[in-house]
PDB file of N, CA and C in Angstrom:
ATOM      1  N   MET A   1      12.124  -9.886  -4.811  1.00  0.00           N
ATOM      2  CA  MET A   1      12.941  -8.914  -5.501  1.00  0.00           C
ATOM      3  C   MET A   1      14.072  -8.470  -4.584  1.00  0.00           C
ATOM      4  N   THR A   2      15.205  -8.280  -5.144  1.00  0.00           N
ATOM      5  CA  THR A   2      16.317  -7.747  -4.367  1.00  0.00           C
ATOM      6  C   THR A   2      16.473  -6.274  -4.692  1.00  0.00           C
ATOM      7  N   PRO A   3      16.887  -5.472  -3.707  1.00  0.00           N
ATOM      8  CA  PRO A   3      17.055  -4.040  -3.976  1.00  0.00           C
ATOM      9  C   PRO A   3      18.076  -3.797  -5.085  1.00  0.00           C
ATOM     10  N   ASP A   4      17.738  -2.938  -6.011  1.00  0.00           N
ATOM     11  CA  ASP A   4      18.641  -2.533  -7.077  1.00  0.00           C
ATOM     12  C   ASP A   4      18.271  -1.105  -7.458  1.00  0.00           C
ATOM     13  N   GLY A   5      18.727  -0.623  -8.586  1.00  0.00           N
ATOM     14  CA  GLY A   5      18.422   0.740  -8.985  1.00  0.00           C
ATOM     15  C   GLY A   5      16.947   0.986  -9.237  1.00  0.00           C
ATOM     16  N   ILE A   6      16.210  -0.065  -9.553  1.00  0.00           N
ATOM     17  CA  ILE A   6      14.783   0.076  -9.833  1.00  0.00           C
ATOM     18  C   ILE A   6      13.955  -0.184  -8.585  1.00  0.00           C
ATOM     19  N   HIS A   7      14.342  -1.161  -7.812  1.00  0.00           N
ATOM     20  CA  HIS A   7      13.559  -1.573  -6.646  1.00  0.00           C
ATOM     21  C   HIS A   7      14.210  -1.101  -5.355  1.00  0.00           C
ATOM     22  N   GLY A   8      14.512   0.176  -5.275  1.00  0.00           N
ATOM     23  CA  GLY A   8      15.215   0.701  -4.113  1.00  0.00           C
ATOM     24  C   GLY A   8      14.349   1.450  -3.128  1.00  0.00           C
ATOM     25  N   HIS A   9      13.033   1.422  -3.287  1.00  0.00           N
ATOM     26  CA  HIS A   9      12.167   2.152  -2.370  1.00  0.00           C
ATOM     27  C   HIS A   9      11.859   1.319  -1.127  1.00  0.00           C
ATOM     28  N   THR A  10      11.768   1.995  -0.009  1.00  0.00           N
ATOM     29  CA  THR A  10      11.377   1.354   1.245  1.00  0.00           C
ATOM     30  C   THR A  10      10.048   1.940   1.682  1.00  0.00           C
ATOM     31  N   LEU A  11       9.082   1.077   1.931  1.00  0.00           N
ATOM     32  CA  LEU A  11       7.769   1.496   2.399  1.00  0.00           C
ATOM     33  C   LEU A  11       7.540   0.935   3.794  1.00  0.00           C
ATOM     34  N   THR A  12       6.776   1.650   4.593  1.00  0.00           N
ATOM     35  CA  THR A  12       6.376   1.172   5.908  1.00  0.00           C
ATOM     36  C   THR A  12       4.861   1.088   5.920  1.00  0.00           C
ATOM     37  N   ILE A  13       4.342  -0.113   6.148  1.00  0.00           N
ATOM     38  CA  ILE A  13       2.895  -0.300   6.214  1.00  0.00           C
ATOM     39  C   ILE A  13       2.478  -0.282   7.676  1.00  0.00           C
ATOM     40  N   ILE A  14       1.538   0.605   7.994  1.00  0.00           N
ATOM     41  CA  ILE A  14       1.056   0.766   9.364  1.00  0.00           C
ATOM     42  C   ILE A  14      -0.330   0.137   9.443  1.00  0.00           C
ATOM     43  N   THR A  15      -0.484  -0.839  10.328  1.00  0.00           N
ATOM     44  CA  THR A  15      -1.760  -1.522  10.486  1.00  0.00           C
ATOM     45  C   THR A  15      -2.204  -1.461  11.937  1.00  0.00           C
ATOM     46  N   LYS A  16      -3.510  -1.548  12.134  1.00  0.00           N
ATOM     47  CA  LYS A  16      -4.065  -1.628  13.483  1.00  0.00           C
ATOM     48  C   LYS A  16      -4.213  -3.097  13.847  1.00  0.00           C
ATOM     49  N   VAL A  17      -3.811  -3.440  15.057  1.00  0.00           N
ATOM     50  CA  VAL A  17      -3.984  -4.800  15.553  1.00  0.00           C
ATOM     51  C   VAL A  17      -4.660  -4.733  16.913  1.00  0.00           C
ATOM     52  N   VAL A  18      -5.504  -5.724  17.196  1.00  0.00           N
ATOM     53  CA  VAL A  18      -6.188  -5.776  18.486  1.00  0.00           C
ATOM     54  C   VAL A  18      -5.148  -6.015  19.564  1.00  0.00           C
ATOM     55  N   ASP A  19      -5.262  -5.231  20.630  1.00  0.00           N
ATOM     56  CA  ASP A  19      -4.271  -5.280  21.705  1.00  0.00           C
ATOM     57  C   ASP A  19      -4.937  -5.715  23.007  1.00  0.00           C
ATOM     58  N   GLY A  20      -4.970  -7.006  23.238  1.00  0.00           N
ATOM     59  CA  GLY A  20      -5.428  -7.515  24.530  1.00  0.00           C
ATOM     60  C   GLY A  20      -6.918  -7.413  24.773  1.00  0.00           C
ATOM     61  N   GLU A  21      -7.247  -7.002  25.991  1.00  0.00           N
ATOM     62  CA  GLU A  21      -8.619  -6.990  26.481  1.00  0.00           C
ATOM     63  C   GLU A  21      -9.450  -5.865  25.870  1.00  0.00           C
ATOM     64  N   THR A  22     -10.755  -6.035  25.954  1.00  0.00           N
ATOM     65  CA  THR A  22     -11.661  -4.979  25.526  1.00  0.00           C
ATOM     66  C   THR A  22     -11.765  -3.923  26.620  1.00  0.00           C
ATOM     67  N   ASP A  23     -12.280  -2.757  26.257  1.00  0.00           N
ATOM     68  CA  ASP A  23     -12.448  -1.703  27.262  1.00  0.00           C
ATOM     69  C   ASP A  23     -13.712  -1.961  28.079  1.00  0.00           C
ATOM     70  N   GLU A  24     -14.041  -1.038  28.957  1.00  0.00           N
ATOM     71  CA  GLU A  24     -15.184  -1.221  29.855  1.00  0.00           C
ATOM     72  C   GLU A  24     -16.511  -1.307  29.115  1.00  0.00           C
ATOM     73  N   TYR A  25     -16.549  -0.878  27.858  1.00  0.00           N
ATOM     74  CA  TYR A  25     -17.766  -0.936  27.055  1.00  0.00           C
ATOM     75  C   TYR A  25     -17.760  -2.113  26.082  1.00  0.00           C
ATOM     76  N   GLY A  26     -16.768  -2.981  26.196  1.00  0.00           N
ATOM     77  CA  GLY A  26     -16.680  -4.147  25.331  1.00  0.00           C
ATOM     78  C   GLY A  26     -16.057  -3.893  23.979  1.00  0.00           C
ATOM     79  N   GLN A  27     -15.497  -2.699  23.788  1.00  0.00           N
ATOM     80  CA  GLN A  27     -14.872  -2.363  22.514  1.00  0.00           C
ATOM     81  C   GLN A  27     -13.420  -2.842  22.488  1.00  0.00           C
ATOM     82  N   PRO A  28     -12.981  -3.407  21.367  1.00  0.00           N
ATOM     83  CA  PRO A  28     -11.586  -3.851  21.282  1.00  0.00           C
ATOM     84  C   PRO A  28     -10.626  -2.664  21.340  1.00  0.00           C
ATOM     85  N   GLN A  29      -9.477  -2.896  21.926  1.00  0.00           N
ATOM     86  CA  GLN A  29      -8.430  -1.881  22.001  1.00  0.00           C
ATOM     87  C   GLN A  29      -7.390  -2.199  20.929  1.00  0.00           C
ATOM     88  N   TYR A  30      -6.883  -1.157  20.286  1.00  0.00           N
ATOM     89  CA  TYR A  30      -5.957  -1.344  19.175  1.00  0.00           C
ATOM     90  C   TYR A  30      -4.615  -0.692  19.466  1.00  0.00           C
ATOM     91  N   THR A  31      -3.606  -1.242  18.838  1.00  0.00           N
ATOM     92  CA  THR A  31      -2.291  -0.631  18.800  1.00  0.00           C
ATOM     93  C   THR A  31      -1.847  -0.652  17.339  1.00  0.00           C
ATOM     94  N   THR A  32      -0.836   0.110  17.007  1.00  0.00           N
ATOM     95  CA  THR A  32      -0.366   0.109  15.621  1.00  0.00           C
ATOM     96  C   THR A  32       0.893  -0.736  15.493  1.00  0.00           C
ATOM     97  N   ARG A  33       1.008  -1.378  14.348  1.00  0.00           N
ATOM     98  CA  ARG A  33       2.193  -2.178  14.031  1.00  0.00           C
ATOM     99  C   ARG A  33       2.762  -1.640  12.727  1.00  0.00           C
ATOM    100  N   LYS A  34       4.071  -1.448  12.693  1.00  0.00           N
ATOM    101  CA  LYS A  34       4.746  -0.977  11.485  1.00  0.00           C
ATOM    102  C   LYS A  34       5.569  -2.118  10.893  1.00  0.00           C
ATOM    103  N   THR A  35       5.355  -2.370   9.607  1.00  0.00           N
ATOM    104  CA  THR A  35       6.102  -3.394   8.891  1.00  0.00           C
ATOM    105  C   THR A  35       6.862  -2.713   7.762  1.00  0.00           C
ATOM    106  N   VAL A  36       8.172  -2.862   7.751  1.00  0.00           N
ATOM    107  CA  VAL A  36       9.025  -2.226   6.747  1.00  0.00           C
ATOM    108  C   VAL A  36       9.208  -3.178   5.567  1.00  0.00           C
ATOM    109  N   LEU A  37       8.935  -2.676   4.366  1.00  0.00           N
ATOM    110  CA  LEU A  37       9.140  -3.437   3.134  1.00  0.00           C
ATOM    111  C   LEU A  37      10.253  -2.775   2.338  1.00  0.00           C
ATOM    112  N   GLU A  38      11.349  -3.478   2.164  1.00  0.00           N
ATOM    113  CA  GLU A  38      12.461  -2.963   1.363  1.00  0.00           C
ATOM    114  C   GLU A  38      12.423  -3.607  -0.015  1.00  0.00           C
ATOM    115  N   GLY A  39      13.084  -2.981  -0.964  1.00  0.00           N
ATOM    116  CA  GLY A  39      13.159  -3.533  -2.313  1.00  0.00           C
ATOM    117  C   GLY A  39      11.873  -3.363  -3.104  1.00  0.00           C
ATOM    118  N   CYS A  40      11.133  -2.306  -2.821  1.00  0.00           N
ATOM    119  CA  CYS A  40       9.883  -2.030  -3.540  1.00  0.00           C
ATOM    120  C   CYS A  40      10.133  -1.018  -4.654  1.00  0.00           C
ATOM    121  N   ASN A  41       9.126  -0.832  -5.478  1.00  0.00           N
ATOM    122  CA  ASN A  41       9.170   0.173  -6.531  1.00  0.00           C
ATOM    123  C   ASN A  41       7.840   0.908  -6.514  1.00  0.00           C
ATOM    124  N   VAL A  42       7.883   2.227  -6.507  1.00  0.00           N
ATOM    125  CA  VAL A  42       6.676   3.055  -6.511  1.00  0.00           C
ATOM    126  C   VAL A  42       6.725   3.957  -7.736  1.00  0.00           C
ATOM    127  N   GLN A  43       5.658   3.927  -8.530  1.00  0.00           N
ATOM    128  CA  GLN A  43       5.597   4.711  -9.757  1.00  0.00           C
ATOM    129  C   GLN A  43       4.323   5.546  -9.786  1.00  0.00           C
ATOM    130  N   PRO A  44       4.413   6.835 -10.160  1.00  0.00           N
ATOM    131  CA  PRO A  44       3.191   7.630 -10.311  1.00  0.00           C
ATOM    132  C   PRO A  44       2.399   7.150 -11.522  1.00  0.00           C
ATOM    133  N   VAL A  45       1.093   7.281 -11.435  1.00  0.00           N
ATOM    134  CA  VAL A  45       0.218   6.883 -12.530  1.00  0.00           C
ATOM    135  C   VAL A  45      -0.417   8.141 -13.102  1.00  0.00           C
ATOM    136  N   ALA A  46      -0.225   8.361 -14.381  1.00  0.00           N
ATOM    137  CA  ALA A  46      -0.770   9.554 -15.039  1.00  0.00           C
ATOM    138  C   ALA A  46      -2.244   9.350 -15.360  1.00  0.00           C
ATOM    139  N   VAL A  47      -3.024  10.396 -15.167  1.00  0.00           N
ATOM    140  CA  VAL A  47      -4.442  10.369 -15.523  1.00  0.00           C
ATOM    141  C   VAL A  47      -4.572  10.950 -16.925  1.00  0.00           C
ATOM    142  N   THR A  48      -5.123  10.170 -17.835  1.00  0.00           N
ATOM    143  CA  THR A  48      -5.227  10.634 -19.216  1.00  0.00           C
ATOM    144  C   THR A  48      -6.657  10.912 -19.644  1.00  0.00           C
ATOM    145  N   ASP A  49      -7.613  10.540 -18.791  1.00  0.00           N
ATOM    146  CA  ASP A  49      -8.995  10.798 -19.174  1.00  0.00           C
ATOM    147  C   ASP A  49      -9.451  12.170 -18.691  1.00  0.00           C
ATOM    148  N   LEU A  50     -10.482  12.691 -19.302  1.00  0.00           N
ATOM    149  CA  LEU A  50     -11.037  13.980 -18.904  1.00  0.00           C
ATOM    150  C   LEU A  50     -12.142  13.748 -17.882  1.00  0.00           C
ATOM    151  N   PRO A  51     -12.239  14.602 -16.872  1.00  0.00           N
ATOM    152  CA  PRO A  51     -13.307  14.422 -15.891  1.00  0.00           C
ATOM    153  C   PRO A  51     -14.675  14.631 -16.531  1.00  0.00           C
ATOM    154  N   LEU A  52     -15.633  13.845 -16.084  1.00  0.00           N
ATOM    155  CA  LEU A  52     -16.987  13.952 -16.605  1.00  0.00           C
ATOM    156  C   LEU A  52     -17.643  15.257 -16.162  1.00  0.00           C
ATOM    157  N   PHE A  53     -17.320  15.696 -14.946  1.00  0.00           N
ATOM    158  CA  PHE A  53     -17.879  16.925 -14.409  1.00  0.00           C
ATOM    159  C   PHE A  53     -16.757  17.917 -14.158  1.00  0.00           C
ATOM    160  N   GLU A  54     -17.052  19.176 -14.311  1.00  0.00           N
ATOM    161  CA  GLU A  54     -16.040  20.219 -14.185  1.00  0.00           C
ATOM    162  C   GLU A  54     -15.400  20.259 -12.800  1.00  0.00           C
ATOM    163  N   ASP A  55     -16.182  19.945 -11.765  1.00  0.00           N
ATOM    164  CA  ASP A  55     -15.653  20.028 -10.403  1.00  0.00           C
ATOM    165  C   ASP A  55     -15.109  18.694  -9.891  1.00  0.00           C
ATOM    166  N   ALA A  56     -14.990  17.718 -10.773  1.00  0.00           N
ATOM    167  CA  ALA A  56     -14.484  16.410 -10.351  1.00  0.00           C
ATOM    168  C   ALA A  56     -13.013  16.507  -9.962  1.00  0.00           C
ATOM    169  N   ASN A  57     -12.677  15.807  -8.920  1.00  0.00           N
ATOM    170  CA  ASN A  57     -11.281  15.765  -8.471  1.00  0.00           C
ATOM    171  C   ASN A  57     -10.644  14.452  -8.901  1.00  0.00           C
ATOM    172  N   HIS A  58      -9.482  14.561  -9.450  1.00  0.00           N
ATOM    173  CA  HIS A  58      -8.699  13.366  -9.743  1.00  0.00           C
ATOM    174  C   HIS A  58      -7.621  13.265  -8.682  1.00  0.00           C
ATOM    175  N   LEU A  59      -7.661  12.212  -7.913  1.00  0.00           N
ATOM    176  CA  LEU A  59      -6.634  12.019  -6.902  1.00  0.00           C
ATOM    177  C   LEU A  59      -5.432  11.351  -7.541  1.00  0.00           C
ATOM    178  N   PRO A  60      -4.251  11.889  -7.327  1.00  0.00           N
ATOM    179  CA  PRO A  60      -3.057  11.230  -7.865  1.00  0.00           C
ATOM    180  C   PRO A  60      -2.918   9.830  -7.268  1.00  0.00           C
ATOM    181  N   GLN A  61      -2.523   8.901  -8.099  1.00  0.00           N
ATOM    182  CA  GLN A  61      -2.325   7.536  -7.624  1.00  0.00           C
ATOM    183  C   GLN A  61      -0.920   7.069  -7.942  1.00  0.00           C
ATOM    184  N   TRP A  62      -0.459   6.110  -7.156  1.00  0.00           N
ATOM    185  CA  TRP A  62       0.842   5.497  -7.349  1.00  0.00           C
ATOM    186  C   TRP A  62       0.638   3.996  -7.406  1.00  0.00           C
ATOM    187  N   LYS A  63       1.378   3.353  -8.292  1.00  0.00           N
ATOM    188  CA  LYS A  63       1.344   1.897  -8.382  1.00  0.00           C
ATOM    189  C   LYS A  63       2.577   1.361  -7.679  1.00  0.00           C
ATOM    190  N   CYS A  64       2.378   0.382  -6.828  1.00  0.00           N
ATOM    191  CA  CYS A  64       3.468  -0.178  -6.022  1.00  0.00           C
ATOM    192  C   CYS A  64       3.750  -1.613  -6.445  1.00  0.00           C
ATOM    193  N   PHE A  65       5.017  -1.936  -6.453  1.00  0.00           N
ATOM    194  CA  PHE A  65       5.479  -3.279  -6.779  1.00  0.00           C
ATOM    195  C   PHE A  65       6.326  -3.757  -5.606  1.00  0.00           C
ATOM    196  N   SER A  66       6.040  -4.952  -5.108  1.00  0.00           N
ATOM    197  CA  SER A  66       6.816  -5.481  -3.981  1.00  0.00           C
ATOM    198  C   SER A  66       7.046  -6.971  -4.170  1.00  0.00           C
ATOM    199  N   HIS A  67       7.632  -7.575  -3.168  1.00  0.00           N
ATOM    200  CA  HIS A  67       7.958  -8.995  -3.198  1.00  0.00           C
ATOM    201  C   HIS A  67       6.704  -9.832  -3.444  1.00  0.00           C
ATOM    202  N   GLU A  68       6.882 -10.962  -4.100  1.00  0.00           N
ATOM    203  CA  GLU A  68       5.759 -11.865  -4.297  1.00  0.00           C
ATOM    204  C   GLU A  68       5.382 -12.512  -2.969  1.00  0.00           C
ATOM    205  N   GLY A  69       4.183 -13.007  -2.904  1.00  0.00           N
ATOM    206  CA  GLY A  69       3.715 -13.671  -1.693  1.00  0.00           C
ATOM    207  C   GLY A  69       2.556 -12.923  -1.066  1.00  0.00           C
ATOM    208  N   ASP A  70       2.053 -13.475   0.039  1.00  0.00           N
ATOM    209  CA  ASP A  70       0.840 -12.918   0.630  1.00  0.00           C
ATOM    210  C   ASP A  70       1.091 -11.917   1.752  1.00  0.00           C
ATOM    211  N   LEU A  71       2.341 -11.520   2.004  1.00  0.00           N
ATOM    212  CA  LEU A  71       2.624 -10.585   3.094  1.00  0.00           C
ATOM    213  C   LEU A  71       1.865  -9.276   2.922  1.00  0.00           C
ATOM    214  N   VAL A  72       1.973  -8.649   1.778  1.00  0.00           N
ATOM    215  CA  VAL A  72       1.321  -7.356   1.559  1.00  0.00           C
ATOM    216  C   VAL A  72      -0.195  -7.522   1.587  1.00  0.00           C
ATOM    217  N   ALA A  73      -0.710  -8.583   0.997  1.00  0.00           N
ATOM    218  CA  ALA A  73      -2.157  -8.818   0.991  1.00  0.00           C
ATOM    219  C   ALA A  73      -2.695  -8.934   2.412  1.00  0.00           C
ATOM    220  N   ARG A  74      -1.932  -9.523   3.312  1.00  0.00           N
ATOM    221  CA  ARG A  74      -2.366  -9.643   4.707  1.00  0.00           C
ATOM    222  C   ARG A  74      -2.260  -8.323   5.453  1.00  0.00           C
ATOM    223  N   LEU A  75      -1.347  -7.454   5.042  1.00  0.00           N
ATOM    224  CA  LEU A  75      -1.133  -6.187   5.747  1.00  0.00           C
ATOM    225  C   LEU A  75      -2.083  -5.078   5.312  1.00  0.00           C
ATOM    226  N   LEU A  76      -2.448  -5.047   4.034  1.00  0.00           N
ATOM    227  CA  LEU A  76      -3.271  -3.947   3.525  1.00  0.00           C
ATOM    228  C   LEU A  76      -4.739  -4.155   3.867  1.00  0.00           C
ATOM    229  N   THR A  77      -5.282  -3.237   4.649  1.00  0.00           N
ATOM    230  CA  THR A  77      -6.703  -3.231   4.977  1.00  0.00           C
ATOM    231  C   THR A  77      -7.231  -1.830   4.693  1.00  0.00           C
ATOM    232  N   GLY A  78      -8.510  -1.644   4.857  1.00  0.00           N
ATOM    233  CA  GLY A  78      -9.100  -0.337   4.588  1.00  0.00           C
ATOM    234  C   GLY A  78      -8.566   0.778   5.457  1.00  0.00           C
ATOM    235  N   ASP A  79      -8.097   0.431   6.660  1.00  0.00           N
ATOM    236  CA  ASP A  79      -7.574   1.476   7.544  1.00  0.00           C
ATOM    237  C   ASP A  79      -6.050   1.465   7.642  1.00  0.00           C
ATOM    238  N   SER A  80      -5.385   0.711   6.779  1.00  0.00           N
ATOM    239  CA  SER A  80      -3.917   0.724   6.746  1.00  0.00           C
ATOM    240  C   SER A  80      -3.419   2.055   6.209  1.00  0.00           C
ATOM    241  N   ARG A  81      -2.225   2.396   6.590  1.00  0.00           N
ATOM    242  CA  ARG A  81      -1.557   3.571   6.038  1.00  0.00           C
ATOM    243  C   ARG A  81      -0.170   3.137   5.590  1.00  0.00           C
ATOM    244  N   ILE A  82       0.354   3.844   4.588  1.00  0.00           N
ATOM    245  CA  ILE A  82       1.654   3.508   4.020  1.00  0.00           C
ATOM    246  C   ILE A  82       2.517   4.752   4.066  1.00  0.00           C
ATOM    247  N   GLU A  83       3.683   4.642   4.681  1.00  0.00           N
ATOM    248  CA  GLU A  83       4.639   5.746   4.707  1.00  0.00           C
ATOM    249  C   GLU A  83       5.651   5.519   3.598  1.00  0.00           C
ATOM    250  N   TRP A  84       5.859   6.547   2.797  1.00  0.00           N
ATOM    251  CA  TRP A  84       6.870   6.480   1.742  1.00  0.00           C
ATOM    252  C   TRP A  84       7.320   7.890   1.410  1.00  0.00           C
ATOM    253  N   ASN A  85       8.608   8.079   1.346  1.00  0.00           N
ATOM    254  CA  ASN A  85       9.191   9.341   0.904  1.00  0.00           C
ATOM    255  C   ASN A  85       8.707  10.527   1.749  1.00  0.00           C
ATOM    256  N   GLY A  86       8.500  10.281   3.053  1.00  0.00           N
ATOM    257  CA  GLY A  86       8.065  11.332   3.962  1.00  0.00           C
ATOM    258  C   GLY A  86       6.594  11.693   3.859  1.00  0.00           C
ATOM    259  N   ARG A  87       5.818  10.889   3.157  1.00  0.00           N
ATOM    260  CA  ARG A  87       4.392  11.159   2.964  1.00  0.00           C
ATOM    261  C   ARG A  87       3.569   9.959   3.414  1.00  0.00           C
ATOM    262  N   ILE A  88       2.274  10.198   3.637  1.00  0.00           N
ATOM    263  CA  ILE A  88       1.372   9.145   4.088  1.00  0.00           C
ATOM    264  C   ILE A  88       0.354   8.854   2.985  1.00  0.00           C
ATOM    265  N   PHE A  89       0.145   7.567   2.723  1.00  0.00           N
ATOM    266  CA  PHE A  89      -0.775   7.107   1.686  1.00  0.00           C
ATOM    267  C   PHE A  89      -1.753   6.103   2.276  1.00  0.00           C
ATOM    268  N   GLN A  90      -2.816   5.838   1.523  1.00  0.00           N
ATOM    269  CA  GLN A  90      -3.755   4.780   1.888  1.00  0.00           C
ATOM    270  C   GLN A  90      -3.922   3.854   0.689  1.00  0.00           C
ATOM    271  N   PRO A  91      -4.227   2.580   0.931  1.00  0.00           N
ATOM    272  CA  PRO A  91      -4.421   1.664  -0.190  1.00  0.00           C
ATOM    273  C   PRO A  91      -5.617   2.089  -1.034  1.00  0.00           C
ATOM    274  N   ALA A  92      -5.476   2.000  -2.346  1.00  0.00           N
ATOM    275  CA  ALA A  92      -6.573   2.301  -3.265  1.00  0.00           C
ATOM    276  C   ALA A  92      -7.028   1.039  -3.991  1.00  0.00           C
ATOM    277  N   SER A  93      -6.422  -0.094  -3.650  1.00  0.00           N
ATOM    278  CA  SER A  93      -6.815  -1.375  -4.228  1.00  0.00           C
ATOM    279  C   SER A  93      -6.344  -2.473  -3.287  1.00  0.00           C
ATOM    280  N   ALA A  94      -6.816  -3.665  -3.561  1.00  0.00           N
ATOM    281  CA  ALA A  94      -6.276  -4.825  -2.863  1.00  0.00           C
ATOM    282  C   ALA A  94      -4.930  -5.172  -3.491  1.00  0.00           C
ATOM    283  N   ALA A  95      -4.093  -5.847  -2.735  1.00  0.00           N
ATOM    284  CA  ALA A  95      -2.822  -6.329  -3.291  1.00  0.00           C
ATOM    285  C   ALA A  95      -3.107  -7.592  -4.098  1.00  0.00           C
ATOM    286  N   TYR A  96      -2.472  -7.710  -5.237  1.00  0.00           N
ATOM    287  CA  TYR A  96      -2.660  -8.904  -6.051  1.00  0.00           C
ATOM    288  C   TYR A  96      -1.316  -9.369  -6.581  1.00  0.00           C
ATOM    289  N   ASP A  97      -1.195 -10.682  -6.730  1.00  0.00           N
ATOM    290  CA  ASP A  97       0.043 -11.266  -7.238  1.00  0.00           C
ATOM    291  C   ASP A  97       0.045 -11.235  -8.756  1.00  0.00           C
ATOM    292  N   TYR A  98       1.164 -10.789  -9.313  1.00  0.00           N
ATOM    293  CA  TYR A  98       1.376 -10.804 -10.752  1.00  0.00           C
ATOM    294  C   TYR A  98       2.330 -11.959 -11.027  1.00  0.00           C
ATOM    295  N   VAL A  99       1.876 -12.929 -11.789  1.00  0.00           N
ATOM    296  CA  VAL A  99       2.668 -14.125 -12.057  1.00  0.00           C
ATOM    297  C   VAL A  99       3.063 -14.133 -13.527  1.00  0.00           C
ATOM    298  N   THR A 100       4.367 -14.218 -13.771  1.00  0.00           N
ATOM    299  CA  THR A 100       4.862 -14.275 -15.146  1.00  0.00           C
ATOM    300  C   THR A 100       4.915 -15.720 -15.621  1.00  0.00           C
ATOM    301  N   ALA A 101       5.001 -15.897 -16.922  1.00  0.00           N
ATOM    302  CA  ALA A 101       5.020 -17.245 -17.493  1.00  0.00           C
ATOM    303  C   ALA A 101       6.226 -18.051 -17.020  1.00  0.00           C
ATOM    304  N   ASP A 102       7.372 -17.385 -16.873  1.00  0.00           N
ATOM    305  CA  ASP A 102       8.577 -18.109 -16.465  1.00  0.00           C
ATOM    306  C   ASP A 102       8.805 -18.074 -14.955  1.00  0.00           C
ATOM    307  N   GLY A 103       7.997 -17.308 -14.222  1.00  0.00           N
ATOM    308  CA  GLY A 103       8.127 -17.249 -12.767  1.00  0.00           C
ATOM    309  C   GLY A 103       9.244 -16.361 -12.262  1.00  0.00           C
ATOM    310  N   ILE A 104      10.056 -15.817 -13.166  1.00  0.00           N
ATOM    311  CA  ILE A 104      11.208 -15.024 -12.736  1.00  0.00           C
ATOM    312  C   ILE A 104      10.785 -13.644 -12.237  1.00  0.00           C
ATOM    313  N   GLY A 105       9.787 -13.051 -12.865  1.00  0.00           N
ATOM    314  CA  GLY A 105       9.383 -11.697 -12.501  1.00  0.00           C
ATOM    315  C   GLY A 105       8.163 -11.622 -11.598  1.00  0.00           C
ATOM    316  N   ASN A 106       7.835 -12.707 -10.906  1.00  0.00           N
ATOM    317  CA  ASN A 106       6.669 -12.694 -10.030  1.00  0.00           C
ATOM    318  C   ASN A 106       6.799 -11.603  -8.977  1.00  0.00           C
ATOM    319  N   HIS A 107       5.697 -10.913  -8.704  1.00  0.00           N
ATOM    320  CA  HIS A 107       5.703  -9.848  -7.705  1.00  0.00           C
ATOM    321  C   HIS A 107       4.269  -9.557  -7.271  1.00  0.00           C
ATOM    322  N   THR A 108       4.130  -8.665  -6.303  1.00  0.00           N
ATOM    323  CA  THR A 108       2.820  -8.222  -5.830  1.00  0.00           C
ATOM    324  C   THR A 108       2.640  -6.763  -6.214  1.00  0.00           C
ATOM    325  N   GLU A 109       1.443  -6.403  -6.660  1.00  0.00           N
ATOM    326  CA  GLU A 109       1.138  -5.024  -7.058  1.00  0.00           C
ATOM    327  C   GLU A 109      -0.052  -4.514  -6.264  1.00  0.00           C
ATOM    328  N   TRP A 110      -0.072  -3.213  -6.026  1.00  0.00           N
ATOM    329  CA  TRP A 110      -1.252  -2.547  -5.500  1.00  0.00           C
ATOM    330  C   TRP A 110      -1.151  -1.071  -5.799  1.00  0.00           C
ATOM    331  N   TRP A 111      -2.262  -0.359  -5.619  1.00  0.00           N
ATOM    332  CA  TRP A 111      -2.348   1.072  -5.883  1.00  0.00           C
ATOM    333  C   TRP A 111      -2.528   1.796  -4.563  1.00  0.00           C
ATOM    334  N   MET A 112      -2.058   3.047  -4.508  1.00  0.00           N
ATOM    335  CA  MET A 112      -2.266   3.848  -3.303  1.00  0.00           C
ATOM    336  C   MET A 112      -2.480   5.309  -3.688  1.00  0.00           C
ATOM    337  N   THR A 113      -3.166   6.035  -2.812  1.00  0.00           N
ATOM    338  CA  THR A 113      -3.385   7.471  -2.980  1.00  0.00           C
ATOM    339  C   THR A 113      -2.888   8.179  -1.732  1.00  0.00           C
ATOM    340  N   GLU A 114      -2.486   9.428  -1.900  1.00  0.00           N
ATOM    341  CA  GLU A 114      -1.979  10.189  -0.762  1.00  0.00           C
ATOM    342  C   GLU A 114      -3.134  10.614   0.135  1.00  0.00           C
ATOM    343  N   VAL A 115      -2.903  10.534   1.434  1.00  0.00           N
ATOM    344  CA  VAL A 115      -3.903  10.949   2.411  1.00  0.00           C
ATOM    345  C   VAL A 115      -3.837  12.460   2.540  1.00  0.00           C
ATOM    346  N   ALA A 116      -4.979  13.108   2.373  1.00  0.00           N
ATOM    347  CA  ALA A 116      -5.018  14.572   2.503  1.00  0.00           C
ATOM    348  C   ALA A 116      -4.776  14.967   3.951  1.00  0.00           C
ATOM    349  N   SER A 117      -3.992  16.004   4.140  1.00  0.00           N
ATOM    350  CA  SER A 117      -3.679  16.412   5.511  1.00  0.00           C
ATOM    351  C   SER A 117      -4.677  17.397   6.044  1.00  0.00           C
TER     352      SER A 117
END
């Protein structure tokens, strides 16, 4: 996707990567890597169902659309974080490729929720 009026969001995916040697206890050492994704689209998802229990919390979710391919799928892990619009999010699903019949609108989708501070 190329940036336009719809796909103008920039997201930064923060992942942990193993950094060299293990520590004195044999535990791997990590550093963070930031990958910038331009030309994305982020949309809020409305909750239309009623909670089963009165004290149930509905976490707001956002659906993300990005370039096709396996880049996002390789970056999103359980401990990844996503920076967007000055806020921090975590993945709420795996990234999956959406393939259209004509191949023109192929893209990658995933869901995210805001990390409570």
